[in-house]
Amino acid sequence: EKAKLLRSQPAQIVEPKGLLYVQQREFAVTTPKDGSVSILGSDDATTCHIVVLRHTGSGATCLTHCDGSDTEAEVSLIMSSVRSLSSSTGCGRLEVHLVGGFNDDRQLSQKLTNQLLRAFDLQPEDVHLVTFCVTELNDREEQDIHFPIIYGIAVNVKTAEIFPATFPEKGPDEDLRSAHVLTGAPLTNIYDAKTEQLQIGPYFWGPFPHVDFWLEQDDAQILQNLSTSPLAEPPHFVSHIRSTLTFLKEHPFPSRSLFPDRKPRIYKKNEEGLWEQVCSDKI
C-alpha cells in the first residue's frame, strides 16, 4: 500500500536551496536542528536503491545511494552514522525506507534488495521497514521493456516526509564526485552535521584505464558498456558519463591537480541557501 501511494505521486522538482544532493556511493546524515540543510535527496537510480534510515526520537536522518558494491559494510556505516547523532535520545525507533530498482534483465535490483534486507536484518538493533518500493514494486513495462517508476527521492529532514523527486542541480563538484565513484570508491560520508559543512575529498586515483578509447566511443557503446541497465537509463546518462571521463582525463593524478595540500574541498550554505566554497585557511 505504501509503495502504491509513493508510486502514484508525481516527482517534485527540488531546487538547490536547502538541499544536500547525494550521489551514488555517498551518504549524508543530519538532524532536524540543521540550520543549513532541510532536504536530502538522490536520483538517477536504475538498478541502484536509495535508502533512508531515520531515528524517530532524535530525527537523525541518513540518505544513501547504494549500488551493491559492499552492502553489508554500507549498512553498518549508515547505522552507526544515525546512532552517533541519536546517542542522547532515550525513546524512538529506527525506521528504514527502501526505494529503487526494477525488474532488470540481469536481476541486479533483486540481488541488491535481498542484500539490503539481509544486512538490516543482521543489525543488533531492531530496524522497522516502513517503505518498501523496490524492484518488482517499482517496475513498469512498456513494449516488453522494463523501467523503474521512481528514479529519485528526497526526504524532508524536518518533517520526515519522503517523496519522488528530481534535482536540476546536483553539485557542487559533480564531476569530481562521479569520478570518485567511477574509479571504484567505497561508500563515503560527505557531510558533517555538527559544522554544517559539505566535505568533498581528498580523493586519490591513478590514470583511468582506456579513457581515450571510451571518449571516442559513440553514445550507444557507452550506454551498452558502462550502464548496468542500458534500456532504462535517464536521457542524460551518456552526457554525464562523458563529462566524468573527460574530468578523469584532465585529472589523472588528483593528488597534484585537485588536492595538493591533501585537504578536502569544503562548502557551506550561504544566506541564499546555496553551497559556497570555504577557503581552507579559514578553517
C-alpha atoms as a PDB file:
ATOM      1  CA  GLU A   1       0.000   0.000   0.000  1.00  0.00           C
ATOM      2  CA  LYS A   2       2.782   2.393   0.943  1.00  0.00           C
ATOM      3  CA  ALA A   3       4.659   1.618  -2.289  1.00  0.00           C
ATOM      4  CA  LYS A   4       1.496   2.175  -4.318  1.00  0.00           C
ATOM      5  CA  LEU A   5       0.957   5.539  -2.654  1.00  0.00           C
ATOM      6  CA  LEU A   6       4.563   6.610  -3.303  1.00  0.00           C
ATOM      7  CA  ARG A   7       4.441   5.479  -6.962  1.00  0.00           C
ATOM      8  CA  SER A   8       1.248   7.435  -7.555  1.00  0.00           C
ATOM      9  CA  GLN A   9       2.879  10.762  -6.613  1.00  0.00           C
ATOM     10  CA  PRO A  10       4.415  12.832  -9.413  1.00  0.00           C
ATOM     11  CA  ALA A  11       8.124  13.606  -8.978  1.00  0.00           C
ATOM     12  CA  GLN A  12       8.650  17.036  -7.415  1.00  0.00           C
ATOM     13  CA  ILE A  13      11.414  19.268  -8.723  1.00  0.00           C
ATOM     14  CA  VAL A  14      13.670  20.096  -5.776  1.00  0.00           C
ATOM     15  CA  GLU A  15      15.523  23.379  -6.097  1.00  0.00           C
ATOM     16  CA  PRO A  16      19.048  23.744  -4.652  1.00  0.00           C
ATOM     17  CA  LYS A  17      18.052  25.947  -1.713  1.00  0.00           C
ATOM     18  CA  GLY A  18      18.439  23.928   1.495  1.00  0.00           C
ATOM     19  CA  LEU A  19      19.198  20.751  -0.487  1.00  0.00           C
ATOM     20  CA  LEU A  20      22.054  18.325   0.039  1.00  0.00           C
ATOM     21  CA  TYR A  21      22.276  16.126  -3.062  1.00  0.00           C
ATOM     22  CA  VAL A  22      23.783  12.677  -2.517  1.00  0.00           C
ATOM     23  CA  GLN A  23      25.443  10.877  -5.425  1.00  0.00           C
ATOM     24  CA  GLN A  24      25.939   7.143  -5.910  1.00  0.00           C
ATOM     25  CA  ARG A  25      28.116   5.587  -3.176  1.00  0.00           C
ATOM     26  CA  GLU A  26      27.799   8.644  -0.962  1.00  0.00           C
ATOM     27  CA  PHE A  27      25.795   9.153   2.201  1.00  0.00           C
ATOM     28  CA  ALA A  28      24.855  12.128   4.343  1.00  0.00           C
ATOM     29  CA  VAL A  29      23.272  12.267   7.771  1.00  0.00           C
ATOM     30  CA  THR A  30      21.818  15.190   9.700  1.00  0.00           C
ATOM     31  CA  THR A  31      19.092  16.143  12.192  1.00  0.00           C
ATOM     32  CA  PRO A  32      16.080  18.500  12.224  1.00  0.00           C
ATOM     33  CA  LYS A  33      18.251  21.037  14.115  1.00  0.00           C
ATOM     34  CA  ASP A  34      20.378  21.588  10.988  1.00  0.00           C
ATOM     35  CA  GLY A  35      20.177  25.249  10.019  1.00  0.00           C
ATOM     36  CA  SER A  36      21.612  24.721   6.516  1.00  0.00           C
ATOM     37  CA  VAL A  37      20.136  21.523   5.114  1.00  0.00           C
ATOM     38  CA  SER A  38      16.443  20.667   5.219  1.00  0.00           C
ATOM     39  CA  ILE A  39      16.292  18.168   2.324  1.00  0.00           C
ATOM     40  CA  LEU A  40      18.452  15.162   1.455  1.00  0.00           C
ATOM     41  CA  GLY A  41      17.942  13.651  -1.987  1.00  0.00           C
ATOM     42  CA  SER A  42      19.319  11.466  -4.753  1.00  0.00           C
ATOM     43  CA  ASP A  43      18.156  10.305  -8.183  1.00  0.00           C
ATOM     44  CA  ASP A  44      19.257   8.526 -11.382  1.00  0.00           C
ATOM     45  CA  ALA A  45      18.835   5.160  -9.641  1.00  0.00           C
ATOM     46  CA  THR A  46      18.093   2.369 -12.126  1.00  0.00           C
ATOM     47  CA  THR A  47      19.277  -0.894 -10.545  1.00  0.00           C
ATOM     48  CA  CYS A  48      20.607   1.081  -7.528  1.00  0.00           C
ATOM     49  CA  HIS A  49      18.496   1.601  -4.395  1.00  0.00           C
ATOM     50  CA  ILE A  50      18.114   4.780  -2.353  1.00  0.00           C
ATOM     51  CA  VAL A  51      17.998   4.101   1.375  1.00  0.00           C
ATOM     52  CA  VAL A  52      16.671   6.449   4.059  1.00  0.00           C
ATOM     53  CA  LEU A  53      17.328   5.488   7.671  1.00  0.00           C
ATOM     54  CA  ARG A  54      15.762   7.621  10.384  1.00  0.00           C
ATOM     55  CA  HIS A  55      15.572   7.606  14.163  1.00  0.00           C
ATOM     56  CA  THR A  56      12.099   8.761  15.200  1.00  0.00           C
ATOM     57  CA  GLY A  57      13.309  10.086  18.576  1.00  0.00           C
ATOM     58  CA  SER A  58      16.232  12.270  17.502  1.00  0.00           C
ATOM     59  CA  GLY A  59      15.020  12.813  13.935  1.00  0.00           C
ATOM     60  CA  ALA A  60      18.565  11.926  12.759  1.00  0.00           C
ATOM     61  CA  THR A  61      18.155  11.048   9.075  1.00  0.00           C
ATOM     62  CA  CYS A  62      20.598   9.389   6.708  1.00  0.00           C
ATOM     63  CA  LEU A  63      20.178   9.082   2.939  1.00  0.00           C
ATOM     64  CA  THR A  64      22.427   6.920   0.792  1.00  0.00           C
ATOM     65  CA  HIS A  65      22.520   5.694  -2.825  1.00  0.00           C
ATOM     66  CA  CYS A  66      23.623   2.010  -2.848  1.00  0.00           C
ATOM     67  CA  ASP A  67      24.775   0.082  -5.913  1.00  0.00           C
ATOM     68  CA  GLY A  68      25.531  -3.292  -4.331  1.00  0.00           C
ATOM     69  CA  SER A  69      29.301  -2.825  -4.156  1.00  0.00           C
ATOM     70  CA  ASP A  70      29.605  -3.745  -0.458  1.00  0.00           C
ATOM     71  CA  THR A  71      26.109  -3.702   1.009  1.00  0.00           C
ATOM     72  CA  GLU A  72      26.797  -5.188   4.435  1.00  0.00           C
ATOM     73  CA  ALA A  73      29.608  -2.733   5.228  1.00  0.00           C
ATOM     74  CA  GLU A  74      27.496   0.148   3.874  1.00  0.00           C
ATOM     75  CA  VAL A  75      24.521  -0.680   6.093  1.00  0.00           C
ATOM     76  CA  SER A  76      26.815  -0.864   9.143  1.00  0.00           C
ATOM     77  CA  LEU A  77      28.193   2.571   8.224  1.00  0.00           C
ATOM     78  CA  ILE A  78      24.814   4.253   7.919  1.00  0.00           C
ATOM     79  CA  MET A  79      23.564   2.567  11.104  1.00  0.00           C
ATOM     80  CA  SER A  80      26.498   3.948  13.092  1.00  0.00           C
ATOM     81  CA  SER A  81      26.116   7.402  11.492  1.00  0.00           C
ATOM     82  CA  VAL A  82      22.480   7.641  12.649  1.00  0.00           C
ATOM     83  CA  ARG A  83      23.359   6.149  16.022  1.00  0.00           C
ATOM     84  CA  SER A  84      26.066   8.782  16.572  1.00  0.00           C
ATOM     85  CA  LEU A  85      23.504  11.601  16.175  1.00  0.00           C
ATOM     86  CA  SER A  86      20.887   9.827  18.322  1.00  0.00           C
ATOM     87  CA  SER A  87      23.001   8.818  21.317  1.00  0.00           C
ATOM     88  CA  SER A  88      21.321  11.156  23.810  1.00  0.00           C
ATOM     89  CA  THR A  89      17.786  10.175  22.773  1.00  0.00           C
ATOM     90  CA  GLY A  90      16.070   7.645  25.006  1.00  0.00           C
ATOM     91  CA  CYS A  91      12.876   6.990  23.080  1.00  0.00           C
ATOM     92  CA  GLY A  92      12.130   6.397  19.421  1.00  0.00           C
ATOM     93  CA  ARG A  93      12.860   3.655  16.920  1.00  0.00           C
ATOM     94  CA  LEU A  94      14.884   3.150  13.746  1.00  0.00           C
ATOM     95  CA  GLU A  95      12.866   3.207  10.532  1.00  0.00           C
ATOM     96  CA  VAL A  96      14.141   2.361   7.075  1.00  0.00           C
ATOM     97  CA  HIS A  97      12.752   3.276   3.654  1.00  0.00           C
ATOM     98  CA  LEU A  98      13.984   1.416   0.553  1.00  0.00           C
ATOM     99  CA  VAL A  99      13.211   2.796  -2.907  1.00  0.00           C
ATOM    100  CA  GLY A 100      14.567   1.971  -6.362  1.00  0.00           C
ATOM    101  CA  GLY A 101      15.410  -0.784  -8.790  1.00  0.00           C
ATOM    102  CA  PHE A 102      13.083  -2.588 -11.226  1.00  0.00           C
ATOM    103  CA  ASN A 103      12.750  -5.978 -12.935  1.00  0.00           C
ATOM    104  CA  ASP A 104      16.001  -5.687 -14.885  1.00  0.00           C
ATOM    105  CA  ASP A 105      17.218  -8.494 -17.172  1.00  0.00           C
ATOM    106  CA  ARG A 106      20.244  -9.306 -15.039  1.00  0.00           C
ATOM    107  CA  GLN A 107      18.227  -9.271 -11.776  1.00  0.00           C
ATOM    108  CA  LEU A 108      20.750  -6.881 -10.224  1.00  0.00           C
ATOM    109  CA  SER A 109      17.913  -4.988  -8.500  1.00  0.00           C
ATOM    110  CA  GLN A 110      16.546  -8.155  -6.909  1.00  0.00           C
ATOM    111  CA  LYS A 111      20.013  -9.109  -5.693  1.00  0.00           C
ATOM    112  CA  LEU A 112      20.512  -5.672  -4.115  1.00  0.00           C
ATOM    113  CA  THR A 113      17.061  -5.758  -2.485  1.00  0.00           C
ATOM    114  CA  ASN A 114      17.917  -9.121  -0.894  1.00  0.00           C
ATOM    115  CA  GLN A 115      21.342  -7.879   0.239  1.00  0.00           C
ATOM    116  CA  LEU A 116      19.834  -4.796   1.899  1.00  0.00           C
ATOM    117  CA  LEU A 117      17.111  -6.754   3.694  1.00  0.00           C
ATOM    118  CA  ARG A 118      19.654  -9.267   4.935  1.00  0.00           C
ATOM    119  CA  ALA A 119      22.115  -6.551   6.067  1.00  0.00           C
ATOM    120  CA  PHE A 120      19.429  -4.695   8.061  1.00  0.00           C
ATOM    121  CA  ASP A 121      18.201  -7.991   9.496  1.00  0.00           C
ATOM    122  CA  LEU A 122      21.720  -8.749  10.781  1.00  0.00           C
ATOM    123  CA  GLN A 123      21.884  -5.498  12.789  1.00  0.00           C
ATOM    124  CA  PRO A 124      21.790  -5.873  16.589  1.00  0.00           C
ATOM    125  CA  GLU A 125      19.066  -3.179  16.875  1.00  0.00           C
ATOM    126  CA  ASP A 126      15.502  -3.525  15.637  1.00  0.00           C
ATOM    127  CA  VAL A 127      15.013  -1.725  12.339  1.00  0.00           C
ATOM    128  CA  HIS A 128      11.431  -1.177  11.178  1.00  0.00           C
ATOM    129  CA  LEU A 129      10.816  -1.417   7.447  1.00  0.00           C
ATOM    130  CA  VAL A 130       8.365   1.400   6.704  1.00  0.00           C
ATOM    131  CA  THR A 131       8.651   1.925   2.934  1.00  0.00           C
ATOM    132  CA  PHE A 132       9.420  -0.921   0.536  1.00  0.00           C
ATOM    133  CA  CYS A 133       9.144   0.340  -3.038  1.00  0.00           C
ATOM    134  CA  VAL A 134      11.874  -1.675  -4.776  1.00  0.00           C
ATOM    135  CA  THR A 135      12.408  -3.977  -7.759  1.00  0.00           C
ATOM    136  CA  GLU A 136       9.026  -5.505  -8.762  1.00  0.00           C
ATOM    137  CA  LEU A 137       7.155  -2.915  -6.670  1.00  0.00           C
ATOM    138  CA  ASN A 138       8.891  -0.100  -8.598  1.00  0.00           C
ATOM    139  CA  ASP A 139       8.590  -1.630 -12.067  1.00  0.00           C
ATOM    140  CA  ARG A 140       6.662  -0.564 -15.151  1.00  0.00           C
ATOM    141  CA  GLU A 141       6.623  -2.170 -18.561  1.00  0.00           C
ATOM    142  CA  GLU A 142       6.437  -0.510 -21.962  1.00  0.00           C
ATOM    143  CA  GLN A 143       6.548  -2.632 -25.127  1.00  0.00           C
ATOM    144  CA  ASP A 144       8.210  -5.510 -23.225  1.00  0.00           C
ATOM    145  CA  ILE A 145      10.911  -3.221 -21.808  1.00  0.00           C
ATOM    146  CA  HIS A 146      11.075  -2.729 -18.046  1.00  0.00           C
ATOM    147  CA  PHE A 147      11.743   0.634 -16.388  1.00  0.00           C
ATOM    148  CA  PRO A 148      11.792   1.943 -12.810  1.00  0.00           C
ATOM    149  CA  ILE A 149       8.762   4.071 -11.898  1.00  0.00           C
ATOM    150  CA  ILE A 150      10.666   6.161  -9.337  1.00  0.00           C
ATOM    151  CA  TYR A 151      14.254   7.118 -10.185  1.00  0.00           C
ATOM    152  CA  GLY A 152      14.858   9.511  -7.301  1.00  0.00           C
ATOM    153  CA  ILE A 153      13.528  10.521  -3.892  1.00  0.00           C
ATOM    154  CA  ALA A 154      14.005  13.263  -1.341  1.00  0.00           C
ATOM    155  CA  VAL A 155      13.426  13.306   2.397  1.00  0.00           C
ATOM    156  CA  ASN A 156      12.500  16.404   4.348  1.00  0.00           C
ATOM    157  CA  VAL A 157      14.691  16.154   7.455  1.00  0.00           C
ATOM    158  CA  LYS A 158      12.369  18.350   9.488  1.00  0.00           C
ATOM    159  CA  THR A 159       9.025  16.678   8.675  1.00  0.00           C
ATOM    160  CA  ALA A 160      10.288  13.154   7.735  1.00  0.00           C
ATOM    161  CA  GLU A 161       8.224  13.316   4.523  1.00  0.00           C
ATOM    162  CA  ILE A 162       9.601  11.171   1.670  1.00  0.00           C
ATOM    163  CA  PHE A 163       8.581  11.890  -1.924  1.00  0.00           C
ATOM    164  CA  PRO A 164       9.650  11.121  -5.526  1.00  0.00           C
ATOM    165  CA  ALA A 165      11.954  13.875  -6.753  1.00  0.00           C
ATOM    166  CA  THR A 166      14.222  15.189  -9.483  1.00  0.00           C
ATOM    167  CA  PHE A 167      17.077  17.627  -8.993  1.00  0.00           C
ATOM    168  CA  PRO A 168      18.122  20.206 -11.598  1.00  0.00           C
ATOM    169  CA  GLU A 169      21.265  20.928  -9.550  1.00  0.00           C
ATOM    170  CA  LYS A 170      23.466  18.006  -8.371  1.00  0.00           C
ATOM    171  CA  GLY A 171      26.530  19.942  -7.247  1.00  0.00           C
ATOM    172  CA  PRO A 172      28.883  21.076  -6.043  1.00  0.00           C
ATOM    173  CA  ASP A 173      31.801  19.187  -7.644  1.00  0.00           C
ATOM    174  CA  GLU A 174      29.508  16.858  -9.566  1.00  0.00           C
ATOM    175  CA  ASP A 175      32.233  15.573 -11.931  1.00  0.00           C
ATOM    176  CA  LEU A 176      34.780  15.149  -9.155  1.00  0.00           C
ATOM    177  CA  ARG A 177      32.333  13.096  -7.072  1.00  0.00           C
ATOM    178  CA  SER A 178      31.297  10.968 -10.065  1.00  0.00           C
ATOM    179  CA  ALA A 179      34.957  10.378 -10.922  1.00  0.00           C
ATOM    180  CA  HIS A 180      35.484   9.117  -7.374  1.00  0.00           C
ATOM    181  CA  VAL A 181      32.733   6.505  -7.926  1.00  0.00           C
ATOM    182  CA  LEU A 182      33.909   5.517 -11.418  1.00  0.00           C
ATOM    183  CA  THR A 183      37.375   4.782 -10.038  1.00  0.00           C
ATOM    184  CA  GLY A 184      35.925   2.313  -7.526  1.00  0.00           C
ATOM    185  CA  ALA A 185      35.486   4.351  -4.352  1.00  0.00           C
ATOM    186  CA  PRO A 186      33.880   2.857  -1.237  1.00  0.00           C
ATOM    187  CA  LEU A 187      30.769   4.449   0.322  1.00  0.00           C
ATOM    188  CA  THR A 188      31.783   7.921   1.540  1.00  0.00           C
ATOM    189  CA  ASN A 189      30.257  10.291   4.077  1.00  0.00           C
ATOM    190  CA  ILE A 190      30.145  13.779   2.545  1.00  0.00           C
ATOM    191  CA  TYR A 191      28.589  15.881   5.319  1.00  0.00           C
ATOM    192  CA  ASP A 192      29.433  16.997   8.832  1.00  0.00           C
ATOM    193  CA  ALA A 193      26.162  17.831  10.587  1.00  0.00           C
ATOM    194  CA  LYS A 194      27.930  19.456  13.546  1.00  0.00           C
ATOM    195  CA  THR A 195      29.715  22.097  11.446  1.00  0.00           C
ATOM    196  CA  GLU A 196      27.024  22.011   8.682  1.00  0.00           C
ATOM    197  CA  GLN A 197      29.759  21.589   6.088  1.00  0.00           C
ATOM    198  CA  LEU A 198      29.854  19.546   2.905  1.00  0.00           C
ATOM    199  CA  GLN A 199      33.290  17.947   2.591  1.00  0.00           C
ATOM    200  CA  ILE A 200      34.475  16.539  -0.733  1.00  0.00           C
ATOM    201  CA  GLY A 201      37.699  14.556  -0.733  1.00  0.00           C
ATOM    202  CA  PRO A 202      40.589  14.442  -0.636  1.00  0.00           C
ATOM    203  CA  TYR A 203      40.190  11.729  -3.290  1.00  0.00           C
ATOM    204  CA  PHE A 204      43.042   9.931  -4.998  1.00  0.00           C
ATOM    205  CA  TRP A 205      43.139   7.734  -8.083  1.00  0.00           C
ATOM    206  CA  GLY A 206      45.553   6.794 -10.867  1.00  0.00           C
ATOM    207  CA  PRO A 207      45.082   7.401 -14.613  1.00  0.00           C
ATOM    208  CA  PHE A 208      41.758   5.888 -15.700  1.00  0.00           C
ATOM    209  CA  PRO A 209      42.346   2.845 -17.965  1.00  0.00           C
ATOM    210  CA  HIS A 210      41.485   3.361 -21.663  1.00  0.00           C
ATOM    211  CA  VAL A 211      39.969   6.794 -21.032  1.00  0.00           C
ATOM    212  CA  ASP A 212      40.704   7.940 -24.610  1.00  0.00           C
ATOM    213  CA  PHE A 213      39.152   4.774 -26.006  1.00  0.00           C
ATOM    214  CA  TRP A 214      35.925   5.353 -24.064  1.00  0.00           C
ATOM    215  CA  LEU A 215      35.745   9.028 -25.022  1.00  0.00           C
ATOM    216  CA  GLU A 216      35.974   8.056 -28.709  1.00  0.00           C
ATOM    217  CA  GLN A 217      33.007   5.668 -28.493  1.00  0.00           C
ATOM    218  CA  ASP A 218      29.558   6.677 -29.684  1.00  0.00           C
ATOM    219  CA  ASP A 219      26.637   7.090 -27.276  1.00  0.00           C
ATOM    220  CA  ALA A 220      25.298   3.578 -27.917  1.00  0.00           C
ATOM    221  CA  GLN A 221      28.631   1.964 -26.973  1.00  0.00           C
ATOM    222  CA  ILE A 222      28.922   3.992 -23.778  1.00  0.00           C
ATOM    223  CA  LEU A 223      25.360   3.158 -22.811  1.00  0.00           C
ATOM    224  CA  GLN A 224      25.816  -0.541 -23.589  1.00  0.00           C
ATOM    225  CA  ASN A 225      29.100  -0.965 -21.741  1.00  0.00           C
ATOM    226  CA  LEU A 226      29.052   1.484 -18.854  1.00  0.00           C
ATOM    227  CA  SER A 227      25.486   1.030 -17.622  1.00  0.00           C
ATOM    228  CA  THR A 228      24.005  -1.821 -15.587  1.00  0.00           C
ATOM    229  CA  SER A 229      20.672  -1.272 -17.376  1.00  0.00           C
ATOM    230  CA  PRO A 230      21.175   0.398 -20.801  1.00  0.00           C
ATOM    231  CA  LEU A 231      17.497   0.452 -21.802  1.00  0.00           C
ATOM    232  CA  ALA A 232      16.288   2.120 -18.621  1.00  0.00           C
ATOM    233  CA  GLU A 233      18.806   4.916 -18.088  1.00  0.00           C
ATOM    234  CA  PRO A 234      17.608   8.522 -17.848  1.00  0.00           C
ATOM    235  CA  PRO A 235      18.294  10.580 -21.019  1.00  0.00           C
ATOM    236  CA  HIS A 236      21.305  12.430 -19.564  1.00  0.00           C
ATOM    237  CA  PHE A 237      23.205   9.248 -18.618  1.00  0.00           C
ATOM    238  CA  VAL A 238      25.667   9.311 -21.546  1.00  0.00           C
ATOM    239  CA  SER A 239      26.463  13.037 -21.288  1.00  0.00           C
ATOM    240  CA  HIS A 240      27.047  12.564 -17.558  1.00  0.00           C
ATOM    241  CA  ILE A 241      29.474   9.651 -18.175  1.00  0.00           C
ATOM    242  CA  ARG A 242      31.284  11.595 -20.921  1.00  0.00           C
ATOM    243  CA  SER A 243      31.667  14.566 -18.609  1.00  0.00           C
ATOM    244  CA  THR A 244      33.076  12.313 -15.844  1.00  0.00           C
ATOM    245  CA  LEU A 245      35.500  10.590 -18.253  1.00  0.00           C
ATOM    246  CA  THR A 246      36.683  13.972 -19.535  1.00  0.00           C
ATOM    247  CA  PHE A 247      37.273  15.033 -15.937  1.00  0.00           C
ATOM    248  CA  LEU A 248      39.296  11.844 -15.296  1.00  0.00           C
ATOM    249  CA  LYS A 249      41.359  12.534 -18.418  1.00  0.00           C
ATOM    250  CA  GLU A 250      42.062  16.093 -17.246  1.00  0.00           C
ATOM    251  CA  HIS A 251      42.972  14.939 -13.727  1.00  0.00           C
ATOM    252  CA  PRO A 252      44.918  11.673 -13.963  1.00  0.00           C
ATOM    253  CA  PHE A 253      46.621  12.473 -10.640  1.00  0.00           C
ATOM    254  CA  PRO A 254      44.202  14.341  -8.354  1.00  0.00           C
ATOM    255  CA  SER A 255      46.853  14.484  -5.635  1.00  0.00           C
ATOM    256  CA  ARG A 256      48.672  17.008  -7.845  1.00  0.00           C
ATOM    257  CA  SER A 257      45.876  18.918  -9.574  1.00  0.00           C
ATOM    258  CA  LEU A 258      42.932  18.821  -7.129  1.00  0.00           C
ATOM    259  CA  PHE A 259      44.213  18.035  -3.635  1.00  0.00           C
ATOM    260  CA  PRO A 260      47.864  19.160  -3.495  1.00  0.00           C
ATOM    261  CA  ASP A 261      47.545  20.044   0.195  1.00  0.00           C
ATOM    262  CA  ARG A 262      45.662  16.787   0.992  1.00  0.00           C
ATOM    263  CA  LYS A 263      42.707  18.784   2.372  1.00  0.00           C
ATOM    264  CA  PRO A 264      39.013  18.358   1.486  1.00  0.00           C
ATOM    265  CA  ARG A 265      37.110  20.915  -0.558  1.00  0.00           C
ATOM    266  CA  ILE A 266      34.709  22.407   1.939  1.00  0.00           C
ATOM    267  CA  TYR A 267      31.349  24.021   1.242  1.00  0.00           C
ATOM    268  CA  LYS A 268      28.846  25.792   3.462  1.00  0.00           C
ATOM    269  CA  LYS A 269      25.367  27.082   2.650  1.00  0.00           C
ATOM    270  CA  ASN A 270      25.292  30.854   2.131  1.00  0.00           C
ATOM    271  CA  GLU A 271      22.397  33.155   3.007  1.00  0.00           C
ATOM    272  CA  GLU A 272      20.536  32.182  -0.158  1.00  0.00           C
ATOM    273  CA  GLY A 273      20.720  28.524   0.908  1.00  0.00           C
ATOM    274  CA  LEU A 274      23.252  27.627  -1.829  1.00  0.00           C
ATOM    275  CA  TRP A 275      26.620  25.889  -1.441  1.00  0.00           C
ATOM    276  CA  GLU A 276      29.633  28.176  -1.390  1.00  0.00           C
ATOM    277  CA  GLN A 277      33.237  27.028  -1.128  1.00  0.00           C
ATOM    278  CA  VAL A 278      35.022  27.957   2.098  1.00  0.00           C
ATOM    279  CA  CYS A 279      38.717  28.860   1.826  1.00  0.00           C
ATOM    280  CA  SER A 280      40.665  26.168   3.625  1.00  0.00           C
ATOM    281  CA  ASP A 281      42.835  28.686   5.506  1.00  0.00           C
ATOM    282  CA  LYS A 282      39.729  29.940   7.339  1.00  0.00           C
ATOM    283  CA  ILE A 283      39.041  26.529   8.844  1.00  0.00           C
END
